[in-house]
Amino acid sequence: MIETIKEYASKRIDLLKIEATEKSSLSAGMITYLVVLLVAFAFFIILFNFGIAFLIGKALDNYSYGFLIVAAFYLLLMVLVVAFKKRIVNTVADKVIKFLNHNP
């Protein structure tokens, strides 16, 4: 009887190790995917903003104005994010809580 319990405990520990390894490897894969996606998206945003700045600058016959307008847009965006910080944080927190409560 004791031998059976020891064997069961050993098998259970092996199963937990396998499950932990699986979750760790899946997490590492997802993190790698997200990092690559984030880097690609960052390059897209940077190049897109350069393109928009040059386009606006060409339309105004002064490339500096194009870059200043794009910078002003991001400054305005930053001010809005800071102004609505509490609402943004609460909305995201509520959505995370709802998501976690609906997924067992």
Protein backbone atom coordinates (compact mmCIF):
# COMPACT_ATOMS: atom_id res chain seq x y z
CA MET A 1 0.00 0.00 0.00
CA ILE A 2 2.76 2.45 0.95
CA GLU A 3 4.66 1.53 -2.19
CA THR A 4 1.58 2.35 -4.28
CA ILE A 5 1.25 5.75 -2.61
CA LYS A 6 4.95 6.47 -3.22
CA GLU A 7 4.58 5.48 -6.86
CA TYR A 8 1.45 7.63 -7.21
CA ALA A 9 3.24 10.63 -5.64
CA SER A 10 6.22 10.11 -7.95
CA LYS A 11 3.98 9.94 -11.03
CA ARG A 12 2.07 13.01 -9.87
CA ILE A 13 5.31 14.98 -9.43
CA ASP A 14 6.45 13.90 -12.91
CA LEU A 15 3.12 15.05 -14.36
CA LEU A 16 3.41 18.43 -12.62
CA LYS A 17 6.94 18.85 -13.99
CA ILE A 18 5.75 18.08 -17.52
CA GLU A 19 2.84 20.50 -17.20
CA ALA A 20 5.13 23.23 -15.84
CA THR A 21 7.58 22.65 -18.69
CA GLU A 22 4.76 22.88 -21.23
CA LYS A 23 3.41 26.11 -19.75
CA SER A 24 6.90 27.62 -19.55
CA SER A 25 7.72 26.76 -23.15
CA LEU A 26 4.39 28.12 -24.39
CA SER A 27 4.92 31.31 -22.38
CA ALA A 28 8.43 31.74 -23.79
CA GLY A 29 7.11 31.25 -27.30
CA MET A 30 4.32 33.79 -26.77
CA ILE A 31 6.75 36.33 -25.27
CA THR A 32 9.11 35.90 -28.22
CA TYR A 33 6.21 36.33 -30.64
CA LEU A 34 5.03 39.49 -28.88
CA VAL A 35 8.54 41.00 -28.79
CA VAL A 36 9.05 40.39 -32.52
CA LEU A 37 5.59 41.80 -33.25
CA LEU A 38 6.28 44.85 -31.06
CA VAL A 39 9.62 45.55 -32.77
CA ALA A 40 8.05 45.24 -36.23
CA PHE A 41 5.18 47.50 -35.20
CA ALA A 42 7.61 50.06 -33.74
CA PHE A 43 9.51 50.20 -37.04
CA PHE A 44 6.23 50.58 -38.91
CA ILE A 45 5.10 53.44 -36.68
CA ILE A 46 8.46 55.22 -36.93
CA LEU A 47 8.62 54.96 -40.71
CA PHE A 48 4.95 55.84 -41.09
CA ASN A 49 5.45 58.97 -38.99
CA PHE A 50 8.45 60.00 -41.07
CA GLY A 51 6.34 59.55 -44.19
CA ILE A 52 3.46 61.61 -42.79
CA ALA A 53 5.87 64.33 -41.61
CA PHE A 54 7.53 64.55 -45.02
CA LEU A 55 4.13 64.54 -46.75
CA ILE A 56 2.81 67.39 -44.59
CA GLY A 57 6.12 69.23 -44.93
CA LYS A 58 6.03 68.95 -48.71
CA ALA A 59 2.46 70.26 -48.77
CA LEU A 60 3.55 73.25 -46.65
CA ASP A 61 6.84 73.71 -48.56
CA ASN A 62 8.76 73.30 -45.32
CA TYR A 63 9.72 69.87 -44.00
CA SER A 64 10.31 71.27 -40.51
CA TYR A 65 6.64 72.20 -40.24
CA GLY A 66 5.67 68.65 -41.11
CA PHE A 67 7.78 67.23 -38.32
CA LEU A 68 6.53 69.87 -35.88
CA ILE A 69 2.91 69.07 -36.70
CA VAL A 70 3.48 65.34 -36.20
CA ALA A 71 5.30 66.05 -32.91
CA ALA A 72 2.44 68.33 -31.80
CA PHE A 73 -0.03 65.53 -32.54
CA TYR A 74 1.88 63.16 -30.26
CA LEU A 75 2.17 65.85 -27.59
CA LEU A 76 -1.61 66.32 -27.71
CA LEU A 77 -2.08 62.54 -27.53
CA MET A 78 0.23 62.36 -24.51
CA VAL A 79 -1.65 65.19 -22.75
CA LEU A 80 -4.97 63.40 -23.36
CA VAL A 81 -3.59 60.12 -22.00
CA VAL A 82 -2.32 61.86 -18.86
CA ALA A 83 -5.62 63.72 -18.44
CA PHE A 84 -7.67 60.52 -18.74
CA LYS A 85 -5.24 58.29 -16.81
CA LYS A 86 -7.73 57.27 -14.12
CA ARG A 87 -10.45 56.39 -16.63
CA ILE A 88 -8.01 54.39 -18.78
CA VAL A 89 -6.59 52.46 -15.81
CA ASN A 90 -10.04 51.66 -14.41
CA THR A 91 -11.41 50.57 -17.78
CA VAL A 92 -8.48 48.25 -18.44
CA ALA A 93 -8.61 46.86 -14.89
CA ASP A 94 -12.34 46.15 -15.24
CA LYS A 95 -11.83 44.36 -18.55
CA VAL A 96 -9.01 42.23 -17.12
CA ILE A 97 -11.12 41.28 -14.11
CA LYS A 98 -14.08 40.34 -16.35
CA PHE A 99 -11.79 38.32 -18.61
CA LEU A 100 -10.22 36.44 -15.71
CA ASN A 101 -13.58 35.72 -14.08
CA HIS A 102 -15.07 34.27 -17.27
CA ASN A 103 -12.15 31.95 -18.05
CA PRO A 104 -11.63 29.05 -15.64
